[in-house]
Amino acid sequence: MVDAIRLFVGAIPRLLRTRRRLLLENLALRQQLAVLKRKHARPRLAALDKLFWVLVRRFWSEWKQALIIVNSTWGAPRIHCELLMVGLDISERTISRWMKRAPGDPGPANRN
């Protein structure tokens, strides 16, 4: 029942979107499905997948709303472990402080 309500509430804004925005969102979701269907236990982005998202970000300002599989899942503990593996000994607390200061979204790319 909750899923049906969530689906209905999510459909209302989509009815008000322009055709271009719907096509871009559909394209982004289909690309993510293609990545998920690959035969890996954990989806991995190939070079073409990364290029796709770079181009999407350049031409579509609301790209983050359709992004599902590439969320920021690296917290301070994981970053700390990765840095230790490459020989950098930085405290986890310092990493978490820097993560709070870093901007979440640098904004849309400049179109010159």
C-alpha atoms as a PDB file:
ATOM      1  CA  MET A   1       0.000   0.000   0.000  1.00  0.00           C
ATOM      2  CA  VAL A   2       2.817   2.400   0.886  1.00  0.00           C
ATOM      3  CA  ASP A   3       4.565   1.598  -2.413  1.00  0.00           C
ATOM      4  CA  ALA A   4       1.393   2.408  -4.360  1.00  0.00           C
ATOM      5  CA  ILE A   5       1.061   5.764  -2.602  1.00  0.00           C
ATOM      6  CA  ARG A   6       4.737   6.539  -3.212  1.00  0.00           C
ATOM      7  CA  LEU A   7       4.324   5.635  -6.896  1.00  0.00           C
ATOM      8  CA  PHE A   8       1.248   7.850  -7.234  1.00  0.00           C
ATOM      9  CA  VAL A   9       2.862  10.814  -5.473  1.00  0.00           C
ATOM     10  CA  GLY A  10       5.990  10.401  -7.608  1.00  0.00           C
ATOM     11  CA  ALA A  11       3.914  10.349 -10.812  1.00  0.00           C
ATOM     12  CA  ILE A  12       2.283  13.737 -10.184  1.00  0.00           C
ATOM     13  CA  PRO A  13       5.432  15.868 -10.769  1.00  0.00           C
ATOM     14  CA  ARG A  14       6.296  13.771 -13.826  1.00  0.00           C
ATOM     15  CA  LEU A  15       2.967  14.678 -15.413  1.00  0.00           C
ATOM     16  CA  LEU A  16       3.922  18.341 -15.210  1.00  0.00           C
ATOM     17  CA  ARG A  17       7.394  17.978 -16.752  1.00  0.00           C
ATOM     18  CA  THR A  18       8.250  18.907 -20.304  1.00  0.00           C
ATOM     19  CA  ARG A  19       8.799  16.249 -22.936  1.00  0.00           C
ATOM     20  CA  ARG A  20      12.535  17.021 -23.146  1.00  0.00           C
ATOM     21  CA  ARG A  21      13.016  16.545 -19.408  1.00  0.00           C
ATOM     22  CA  LEU A  22      11.087  13.268 -19.494  1.00  0.00           C
ATOM     23  CA  LEU A  23      13.186  11.987 -22.385  1.00  0.00           C
ATOM     24  CA  LEU A  24      16.427  12.887 -20.605  1.00  0.00           C
ATOM     25  CA  GLU A  25      15.268  11.227 -17.384  1.00  0.00           C
ATOM     26  CA  ASN A  26      14.195   8.122 -19.291  1.00  0.00           C
ATOM     27  CA  LEU A  27      17.570   7.976 -21.049  1.00  0.00           C
ATOM     28  CA  ALA A  28      19.432   8.317 -17.735  1.00  0.00           C
ATOM     29  CA  LEU A  29      17.366   5.594 -16.072  1.00  0.00           C
ATOM     30  CA  ARG A  30      17.802   3.237 -19.041  1.00  0.00           C
ATOM     31  CA  GLN A  31      21.569   3.752 -18.939  1.00  0.00           C
ATOM     32  CA  GLN A  32      21.613   2.818 -15.257  1.00  0.00           C
ATOM     33  CA  LEU A  33      19.537  -0.303 -15.960  1.00  0.00           C
ATOM     34  CA  ALA A  34      22.072  -1.317 -18.601  1.00  0.00           C
ATOM     35  CA  VAL A  35      24.855  -1.008 -16.022  1.00  0.00           C
ATOM     36  CA  LEU A  36      22.884  -3.040 -13.483  1.00  0.00           C
ATOM     37  CA  LYS A  37      22.225  -5.839 -15.992  1.00  0.00           C
ATOM     38  CA  ARG A  38      25.937  -6.472 -16.477  1.00  0.00           C
ATOM     39  CA  LYS A  39      27.234  -9.691 -14.980  1.00  0.00           C
ATOM     40  CA  HIS A  40      29.020  -8.190 -11.993  1.00  0.00           C
ATOM     41  CA  ALA A  41      28.131  -8.651  -8.362  1.00  0.00           C
ATOM     42  CA  ARG A  42      28.592  -4.915  -7.943  1.00  0.00           C
ATOM     43  CA  PRO A  43      27.855  -2.587 -10.868  1.00  0.00           C
ATOM     44  CA  ARG A  44      30.910  -0.897 -12.322  1.00  0.00           C
ATOM     45  CA  LEU A  45      30.995   2.109 -14.588  1.00  0.00           C
ATOM     46  CA  ALA A  46      32.974   1.738 -17.805  1.00  0.00           C
ATOM     47  CA  ALA A  47      34.613   4.672 -19.561  1.00  0.00           C
ATOM     48  CA  LEU A  48      31.580   5.121 -21.832  1.00  0.00           C
ATOM     49  CA  ASP A  49      29.271   5.175 -18.801  1.00  0.00           C
ATOM     50  CA  LYS A  50      31.338   7.945 -17.251  1.00  0.00           C
ATOM     51  CA  LEU A  51      31.359   9.865 -20.524  1.00  0.00           C
ATOM     52  CA  PHE A  52      27.577   9.523 -20.669  1.00  0.00           C
ATOM     53  CA  TRP A  53      27.192  11.137 -17.234  1.00  0.00           C
ATOM     54  CA  VAL A  54      29.626  13.919 -18.083  1.00  0.00           C
ATOM     55  CA  LEU A  55      27.555  14.790 -21.157  1.00  0.00           C
ATOM     56  CA  VAL A  56      24.275  14.482 -19.265  1.00  0.00           C
ATOM     57  CA  ARG A  57      25.555  16.853 -16.589  1.00  0.00           C
ATOM     58  CA  ARG A  58      26.567  19.381 -19.224  1.00  0.00           C
ATOM     59  CA  PHE A  59      23.183  19.512 -20.945  1.00  0.00           C
ATOM     60  CA  TRP A  60      20.718  18.706 -18.137  1.00  0.00           C
ATOM     61  CA  SER A  61      20.747  20.673 -14.892  1.00  0.00           C
ATOM     62  CA  GLU A  62      18.525  18.176 -13.011  1.00  0.00           C
ATOM     63  CA  TRP A  63      20.667  15.106 -13.706  1.00  0.00           C
ATOM     64  CA  LYS A  64      21.120  14.254 -10.028  1.00  0.00           C
ATOM     65  CA  GLN A  65      17.428  13.523  -9.533  1.00  0.00           C
ATOM     66  CA  ALA A  66      17.612  10.580 -11.955  1.00  0.00           C
ATOM     67  CA  LEU A  67      20.894   9.257 -10.579  1.00  0.00           C
ATOM     68  CA  ILE A  68      20.337   6.091  -8.591  1.00  0.00           C
ATOM     69  CA  ILE A  69      23.288   3.698  -8.776  1.00  0.00           C
ATOM     70  CA  VAL A  70      26.119   6.187  -8.342  1.00  0.00           C
ATOM     71  CA  ASN A  71      25.348   7.669  -4.946  1.00  0.00           C
ATOM     72  CA  SER A  72      28.016   9.007  -2.597  1.00  0.00           C
ATOM     73  CA  THR A  73      28.522   5.837  -0.558  1.00  0.00           C
ATOM     74  CA  TRP A  74      32.085   6.518   0.509  1.00  0.00           C
ATOM     75  CA  GLY A  75      32.036   7.829   4.031  1.00  0.00           C
ATOM     76  CA  ALA A  76      34.991   8.910   6.131  1.00  0.00           C
ATOM     77  CA  PRO A  77      35.837   5.351   7.332  1.00  0.00           C
ATOM     78  CA  ARG A  78      36.129   3.979   3.799  1.00  0.00           C
ATOM     79  CA  ILE A  79      38.128   6.954   2.545  1.00  0.00           C
ATOM     80  CA  HIS A  80      40.412   6.585   5.581  1.00  0.00           C
ATOM     81  CA  CYS A  81      41.048   2.899   4.761  1.00  0.00           C
ATOM     82  CA  GLU A  82      41.729   3.655   1.098  1.00  0.00           C
ATOM     83  CA  LEU A  83      44.209   6.394   2.027  1.00  0.00           C
ATOM     84  CA  LEU A  84      45.964   4.058   4.454  1.00  0.00           C
ATOM     85  CA  MET A  85      46.323   1.476   1.683  1.00  0.00           C
ATOM     86  CA  VAL A  86      48.175   3.992  -0.490  1.00  0.00           C
ATOM     87  CA  GLY A  87      50.388   5.064   2.397  1.00  0.00           C
ATOM     88  CA  LEU A  88      48.713   8.282   3.576  1.00  0.00           C
ATOM     89  CA  ASP A  89      48.064   8.361   7.308  1.00  0.00           C
ATOM     90  CA  ILE A  90      45.329  10.966   7.837  1.00  0.00           C
ATOM     91  CA  SER A  91      42.915  10.641  10.720  1.00  0.00           C
ATOM     92  CA  GLU A  92      39.325   9.683  10.005  1.00  0.00           C
ATOM     93  CA  ARG A  93      38.155  12.723  11.952  1.00  0.00           C
ATOM     94  CA  THR A  94      40.113  15.061   9.657  1.00  0.00           C
ATOM     95  CA  ILE A  95      38.560  13.385   6.629  1.00  0.00           C
ATOM     96  CA  SER A  96      35.037  13.800   8.009  1.00  0.00           C
ATOM     97  CA  ARG A  97      35.704  17.494   8.702  1.00  0.00           C
ATOM     98  CA  TRP A  98      36.868  18.022   5.118  1.00  0.00           C
ATOM     99  CA  MET A  99      33.855  16.150   3.790  1.00  0.00           C
ATOM    100  CA  LYS A 100      31.542  18.581   5.595  1.00  0.00           C
ATOM    101  CA  ARG A 101      33.382  21.571   4.073  1.00  0.00           C
ATOM    102  CA  ALA A 102      33.402  20.247   0.500  1.00  0.00           C
ATOM    103  CA  PRO A 103      30.649  21.580  -1.753  1.00  0.00           C
ATOM    104  CA  GLY A 104      28.044  18.989  -2.661  1.00  0.00           C
ATOM    105  CA  ASP A 105      27.417  20.196  -6.198  1.00  0.00           C
ATOM    106  CA  PRO A 106      29.712  22.594  -8.049  1.00  0.00           C
ATOM    107  CA  GLY A 107      26.725  23.726 -10.116  1.00  0.00           C
ATOM    108  CA  PRO A 108      26.034  23.316 -13.801  1.00  0.00           C
ATOM    109  CA  ALA A 109      28.958  23.411 -16.182  1.00  0.00           C
ATOM    110  CA  ASN A 110      29.688  26.669 -17.982  1.00  0.00           C
ATOM    111  CA  ARG A 111      28.453  26.790 -21.548  1.00  0.00           C
ATOM    112  CA  ASN A 112      30.842  29.114 -23.367  1.00  0.00           C
END
